[in-house]
Protein backbone atom coordinates (compact mmCIF):
# COMPACT_ATOMS: atom_id res chain seq x y z
CA UNK A 1 -2.51 -3.72 27.64
CA UNK A 2 -2.29 -4.85 24.06
CA UNK A 3 0.22 -2.86 21.94
CA UNK A 4 -1.97 -0.08 19.84
CA UNK A 5 -0.60 -0.33 16.14
CA UNK A 6 -1.27 2.69 13.30
CA UNK A 7 -2.44 1.43 10.20
CA UNK A 8 -2.39 3.90 7.51
CA UNK A 9 -4.08 3.29 4.03
CA UNK A 10 -2.28 5.26 1.08
CA UNK A 11 -5.75 5.55 -0.98
CA UNK A 12 -4.78 5.89 -4.81
CA UNK A 13 -1.23 7.35 -5.16
CA UNK A 14 -0.13 8.76 -8.13
CA UNK A 15 0.83 6.20 -10.37
CA UNK A 16 -0.61 4.84 -13.95
CA UNK A 17 -2.70 2.35 -12.06
CA UNK A 18 -6.30 3.09 -13.32
CA UNK A 19 -5.88 0.59 -16.73
CA UNK A 20 -4.40 -2.03 -14.45
CA UNK A 21 -7.77 -1.88 -11.81
CA UNK A 22 -10.98 0.11 -12.70
CA UNK A 23 -11.86 0.74 -9.23
CA UNK A 24 -8.88 3.19 -8.32
CA UNK A 25 -9.98 5.86 -6.50
CA UNK A 26 -9.78 9.16 -9.23
CA UNK A 27 -12.31 11.82 -8.53
CA UNK A 28 -12.23 13.96 -4.97
CA UNK A 29 -15.51 12.29 -4.40
CA UNK A 30 -14.13 8.60 -4.80
CA UNK A 31 -10.80 9.16 -3.04
CA UNK A 32 -12.77 11.02 -0.14
CA UNK A 33 -14.94 8.06 0.33
CA UNK A 34 -11.79 5.88 -0.07
CA UNK A 35 -10.54 7.03 3.21
CA UNK A 36 -13.84 7.11 4.71
CA UNK A 37 -13.98 3.20 4.28
CA UNK A 38 -10.15 2.87 5.04
CA UNK A 39 -11.50 4.29 8.62
CA UNK A 40 -14.35 2.00 8.76
CA UNK A 41 -12.74 -0.76 7.88
CA UNK A 42 -9.96 0.04 10.27
CA UNK A 43 -7.55 2.14 9.51
CA UNK A 44 -5.79 5.36 11.50
CA UNK A 45 -5.01 7.32 8.84
CA UNK A 46 -5.71 8.35 5.20
CA UNK A 47 -2.39 9.09 2.82
CA UNK A 48 -3.53 11.07 0.38
CA UNK A 49 -2.74 12.01 -3.35
CA UNK A 50 -5.22 12.91 -5.92
CA UNK A 51 -5.55 13.11 -9.69
CA UNK A 52 -6.71 14.61 -12.55
CA UNK A 53 -10.49 13.68 -12.67
CA UNK A 54 -10.34 13.69 -16.57
CA UNK A 55 -7.59 11.81 -17.17
CA UNK A 56 -6.80 10.01 -13.92
CA UNK A 57 -3.12 11.26 -13.97
CA UNK A 58 -1.75 12.70 -10.61
CA UNK A 59 -2.48 16.39 -10.00
CA UNK A 60 -1.06 18.88 -7.64
CA UNK A 61 -4.07 21.02 -8.08
CA UNK A 62 -4.97 22.35 -4.40
CA UNK A 63 -8.33 22.70 -5.15
CA UNK A 64 -8.68 19.04 -5.73
CA UNK A 65 -6.65 18.37 -2.12
CA UNK A 66 -9.36 21.19 -0.42
CA UNK A 67 -12.47 19.17 -2.24
CA UNK A 68 -10.83 15.43 -0.97
CA UNK A 69 -10.34 17.36 2.73
CA UNK A 70 -13.67 19.30 3.47
CA UNK A 71 -15.67 15.96 2.35
CA UNK A 72 -13.91 13.73 4.43
CA UNK A 73 -14.09 16.24 7.24
CA UNK A 74 -17.80 17.04 6.28
CA UNK A 75 -18.67 13.22 7.05
CA UNK A 76 -18.19 13.39 10.48
CA UNK A 77 -15.07 10.92 9.89
CA UNK A 78 -11.87 11.05 12.42
CA UNK A 79 -9.50 9.65 10.23
CA UNK A 80 -6.05 11.58 10.28
CA UNK A 81 -5.38 13.63 7.23
CA UNK A 82 -1.86 12.82 5.97
CA UNK A 83 -1.36 15.06 2.73
CA UNK A 84 1.08 13.89 0.21
CA UNK A 85 4.22 16.54 -0.98
CA UNK A 86 5.82 14.08 -3.34
CA UNK A 87 4.56 15.12 -6.58
CA UNK A 88 6.65 17.53 -8.39
CA UNK A 89 10.08 15.66 -7.75
CA UNK A 90 10.23 13.89 -11.19
CA UNK A 91 12.95 14.37 -13.73
CA UNK A 92 13.25 12.83 -17.26
CA UNK A 93 16.81 14.23 -18.92
CA UNK A 94 16.00 15.26 -22.32
CA UNK A 95 17.52 13.27 -25.20
CA UNK A 96 19.11 16.67 -26.62
CA UNK A 97 20.00 18.05 -23.57
CA UNK A 98 20.33 15.90 -20.62
CA UNK A 99 20.33 19.19 -18.34
CA UNK A 100 16.91 20.02 -19.50
CA UNK A 101 13.55 17.88 -18.50
CA UNK A 102 11.87 16.22 -20.97
CA UNK A 103 8.78 14.29 -21.27
CA UNK A 104 7.50 13.00 -17.61
CA UNK A 105 9.73 15.53 -15.65
CA UNK A 106 7.23 17.26 -13.01
CA UNK A 107 9.91 19.20 -11.15
CA UNK A 108 8.05 21.84 -9.08
CA UNK A 109 9.99 24.56 -6.89
CA UNK A 110 9.41 23.43 -3.02
CA UNK A 111 7.52 26.24 -1.67
CA UNK A 112 4.90 25.09 -4.66
CA UNK A 113 5.20 21.29 -3.10
CA UNK A 114 3.60 22.12 0.52
CA UNK A 115 1.38 24.77 -1.00
CA UNK A 116 -1.44 22.63 -0.13
CA UNK A 117 -0.45 21.43 2.99
CA UNK A 118 0.00 25.25 4.31
CA UNK A 119 -3.46 26.25 2.75
CA UNK A 120 -5.69 23.21 4.45
CA UNK A 121 -3.65 22.17 7.21
CA UNK A 122 -4.01 18.60 7.87
CA UNK A 123 -2.46 16.24 10.46
CA UNK A 124 0.00 14.65 8.87
CA UNK A 125 2.04 15.61 5.85
CA UNK A 126 4.73 13.48 3.78
CA UNK A 127 8.16 14.34 3.13
CA UNK A 128 9.94 11.95 0.73
CA UNK A 129 13.92 12.60 2.18
CA UNK A 130 16.05 11.42 -0.42
CA UNK A 131 17.03 11.28 -4.30
CA UNK A 132 16.64 8.07 -6.11
CA UNK A 133 15.86 6.38 -9.60
CA UNK A 134 12.31 5.33 -8.98
CA UNK A 135 11.36 2.86 -11.69
CA UNK A 136 12.36 4.69 -15.18
CA UNK A 137 12.58 8.29 -13.75
CA UNK A 138 14.73 10.41 -11.41
CA UNK A 139 12.88 11.16 -8.04
CA UNK A 140 14.58 14.26 -7.06
CA UNK A 141 14.57 15.50 -3.42
CA UNK A 142 17.89 17.95 -2.82
CA UNK A 143 18.60 18.51 0.73
CA UNK A 144 18.24 22.63 0.11
CA UNK A 145 14.97 22.01 -1.06
CA UNK A 146 13.42 19.61 1.90
CA UNK A 147 14.97 22.31 4.07
CA UNK A 148 12.70 24.84 2.25
CA UNK A 149 10.10 22.11 2.41
CA UNK A 150 10.93 21.16 6.22
CA UNK A 151 10.97 24.90 7.49
CA UNK A 152 7.42 25.61 5.88
CA UNK A 153 6.10 22.42 7.06
CA UNK A 154 7.14 23.29 10.30
CA UNK A 155 5.47 27.17 10.81
CA UNK A 156 2.20 25.01 10.10
CA UNK A 157 2.29 22.98 13.28
CA UNK A 158 1.74 19.79 10.60
CA UNK A 159 3.36 16.78 11.32
CA UNK A 160 6.05 15.77 8.89
CA UNK A 161 6.01 12.12 7.99
CA UNK A 162 9.87 11.22 7.15
CA UNK A 163 9.17 8.82 3.94
CA UNK A 164 13.07 6.59 3.83
CA UNK A 165 13.63 4.72 0.82
CA UNK A 166 17.39 3.83 1.17
CA UNK A 167 19.47 3.96 4.23
CA UNK A 168 20.82 7.10 3.00
CA UNK A 169 17.29 8.92 2.75
CA UNK A 170 17.48 7.73 7.21
CA UNK A 171 20.76 9.42 7.70
CA UNK A 172 19.98 12.78 5.79
CA UNK A 173 16.26 12.85 7.98
CA UNK A 174 18.72 12.32 11.21
CA UNK A 175 20.55 15.68 10.32
CA UNK A 176 17.61 16.80 9.70
CA UNK A 177 16.22 16.31 13.20
CA UNK A 178 19.70 16.68 14.97
CA UNK A 179 19.51 20.58 13.14
CA UNK A 180 15.98 20.97 14.83
CA UNK A 181 14.21 21.40 11.33
CA UNK A 182 12.24 18.44 12.24
CA UNK A 183 10.37 18.33 15.61
CA UNK A 184 10.72 15.15 18.16
CA UNK A 185 9.94 13.20 18.09
CA UNK A 186 10.23 12.33 14.13
CA UNK A 187 7.99 10.18 12.05
CA UNK A 188 9.51 7.52 9.79
CA UNK A 189 7.91 5.38 7.13
CA UNK A 190 10.29 2.98 5.75
CA UNK A 191 9.13 2.46 1.99
CA UNK A 192 10.61 -1.13 0.40
CA UNK A 193 10.21 -2.93 -2.77
CA UNK A 194 9.76 0.22 -4.70
CA UNK A 195 11.82 0.27 -8.15
CA UNK A 196 15.01 0.98 -7.85
CA UNK A 197 14.99 1.23 -4.28
CA UNK A 198 15.27 -0.70 -1.21
CA UNK A 199 13.73 -4.60 -1.65
CA UNK A 200 11.34 -5.26 0.53
CA UNK A 201 13.08 -8.04 2.88
CA UNK A 202 12.54 -8.71 6.64
CA UNK A 203 16.86 -7.56 6.34
CA UNK A 204 16.16 -4.64 4.89
CA UNK A 205 12.98 -3.43 7.42
CA UNK A 206 15.12 -4.41 10.23
CA UNK A 207 18.43 -2.90 9.12
CA UNK A 208 16.76 0.38 8.10
CA UNK A 209 14.49 0.50 11.61
CA UNK A 210 18.40 0.19 13.29
CA UNK A 211 19.30 3.30 11.29
CA UNK A 212 16.53 5.24 13.21
CA UNK A 213 17.16 8.03 15.55
CA UNK A 214 16.26 7.17 19.47
CA UNK A 215 12.87 7.78 20.11
CA UNK A 216 11.78 8.10 16.80
CA UNK A 217 8.04 6.23 15.49
CA UNK A 218 8.03 4.45 12.38
CA UNK A 219 5.59 2.73 10.38
CA UNK A 220 6.79 0.60 7.08
CA UNK A 221 5.58 -0.82 4.20
CA UNK A 222 6.63 -3.21 0.81
CA UNK A 223 4.47 -2.84 -2.26
CA UNK A 224 2.82 -5.47 -4.10
CA UNK A 225 3.09 -9.19 -3.60
CA UNK A 226 5.12 -7.86 -0.12
CA UNK A 227 2.25 -5.61 1.23
CA UNK A 228 0.89 -7.91 3.86
CA UNK A 229 4.33 -9.65 4.60
CA UNK A 230 5.83 -6.21 5.59
CA UNK A 231 2.32 -5.66 7.52
CA UNK A 232 3.92 -8.29 9.97
CA UNK A 233 7.53 -7.77 9.82
CA UNK A 234 6.90 -4.06 11.10
CA UNK A 235 4.44 -5.28 14.06
CA UNK A 236 7.05 -7.96 14.83
CA UNK A 237 9.74 -5.16 15.09
CA UNK A 238 7.47 -2.91 16.73
CA UNK A 239 6.45 -0.81 13.90
CA UNK A 240 3.49 0.82 12.95
CA UNK A 241 2.09 -0.53 9.00
CA UNK A 242 1.05 0.94 5.76
CA UNK A 243 -1.47 -0.79 3.25
CA UNK A 244 -3.94 0.58 -0.03
CA UNK A 245 -4.54 0.77 -3.70
CA UNK A 246 -1.06 2.72 -3.96
CA UNK A 247 0.74 0.23 -2.93
CA UNK A 248 -0.97 -2.81 -4.06
CA UNK A 249 -3.88 -3.91 -6.32
CA UNK A 250 -4.44 -7.24 -5.23
CA UNK A 251 -6.26 -9.00 -2.44
CA UNK A 252 -5.02 -12.00 -3.30
CA UNK A 253 -2.72 -13.86 -6.17
CA UNK A 254 -4.20 -12.51 -9.10
CA UNK A 255 -7.40 -11.76 -7.63
CA UNK A 256 -8.09 -7.39 -7.32
CA UNK A 257 -8.88 -5.76 -4.36
CA UNK A 258 -12.90 -4.59 -4.10
CA UNK A 259 -11.23 -1.89 -2.57
CA UNK A 260 -9.05 -0.03 -0.19
CA UNK A 261 -11.37 -1.49 2.50
CA UNK A 262 -10.95 -5.41 1.86
CA UNK A 263 -6.70 -3.96 2.16
CA UNK A 264 -6.86 -2.59 5.48
CA UNK A 265 -8.96 -5.58 6.79
CA UNK A 266 -6.72 -8.07 5.78
CA UNK A 267 -4.03 -5.91 8.04
CA UNK A 268 -6.44 -5.32 11.04
CA UNK A 269 -6.73 -9.25 10.84
CA UNK A 270 -2.33 -9.69 10.74
CA UNK A 271 -2.17 -7.20 13.51
CA UNK A 272 -4.31 -8.94 15.73
CA UNK A 273 -3.15 -12.30 15.05
CA UNK A 274 0.42 -10.80 16.13
CA UNK A 275 -1.12 -9.89 19.33
CA UNK A 276 -1.08 -5.76 19.12
CA UNK A 277 -4.42 -4.13 18.54
CA UNK A 278 -5.15 -1.26 15.55
CA UNK A 279 -4.88 2.04 17.25
CA UNK A 280 -7.84 4.77 16.54
CA UNK A 281 -6.99 8.30 15.38
CA UNK A 282 -7.54 9.32 19.07
CA UNK A 283 -4.35 7.02 19.97
CA UNK A 284 -2.13 8.23 17.03
CA UNK A 285 -3.17 11.93 18.01
CA UNK A 286 -1.55 11.25 21.19
CA UNK A 287 1.26 9.02 20.19
CA UNK A 288 1.91 11.81 17.71
CA UNK A 289 1.71 14.63 19.78
CA UNK A 290 -0.99 16.06 17.58
CA UNK A 291 -3.87 18.84 18.03
CA UNK A 292 -7.46 17.19 19.37
CA UNK A 293 -10.10 16.76 16.83
CA UNK A 294 -12.28 19.51 18.37
CA UNK A 295 -8.83 22.10 17.69
CA UNK A 296 -10.37 23.97 14.69
CA UNK A 297 -7.71 24.86 12.13
């Protein structure tokens, strides 16, 4: 039997990418349609951010998340829904007083960052484990905030996806698993190539995979031109994969992707060329220990 590989599609993200690609999903309808398009192309999971429809900028609106989730569920699409909890963690020191956040700071209380998860009960939600320089901003996820968020998520039964950008993040996540704050088996997402995190190289992915706790389920991705090489690398190392317009806007060098579906189709081709088979949402539910699709949340 062929190995089943979960393919996640991060359909929009929160970065200021609309000026770079006019097809980036912005409205709840566009984001929901992108998730359905990804499923039709072979994706297993849709990783979802929301945006302000008027500005295209990242948003934390529970109403936007609700609109997206309800549209996907009402469509009958069986793709697993993974809502981000990353927004609300950016810090930019004020020029006058570095203790105070300046323009671009989005720091939000930890329970506010998971409110949409508690209310909407997706299948999965991301949990960014650790702090780092994220481009020109600080990405701040302190251990205390992470414990608060993990405890709130655990009460819902939603599966946390532990996003790790550096080796130290893996070690912090391991401690949370050991402390019982994250249920076993833990689900990790190795995030590579983000400035100024761990580079998207085979060596990096192998090293971070080897730091994971025994029995962990994991996926990995690289951004920009390293998206597809890291798909291959993750499959070779026994992991699952992620693509999508959050991570990369191009289908080939200098050629904008027509949409998320094209990126998923390319990932499906790579998975199959390496002797594996894309996992269905039902396959992933069994692997991750999620409730069946028939359970009404």
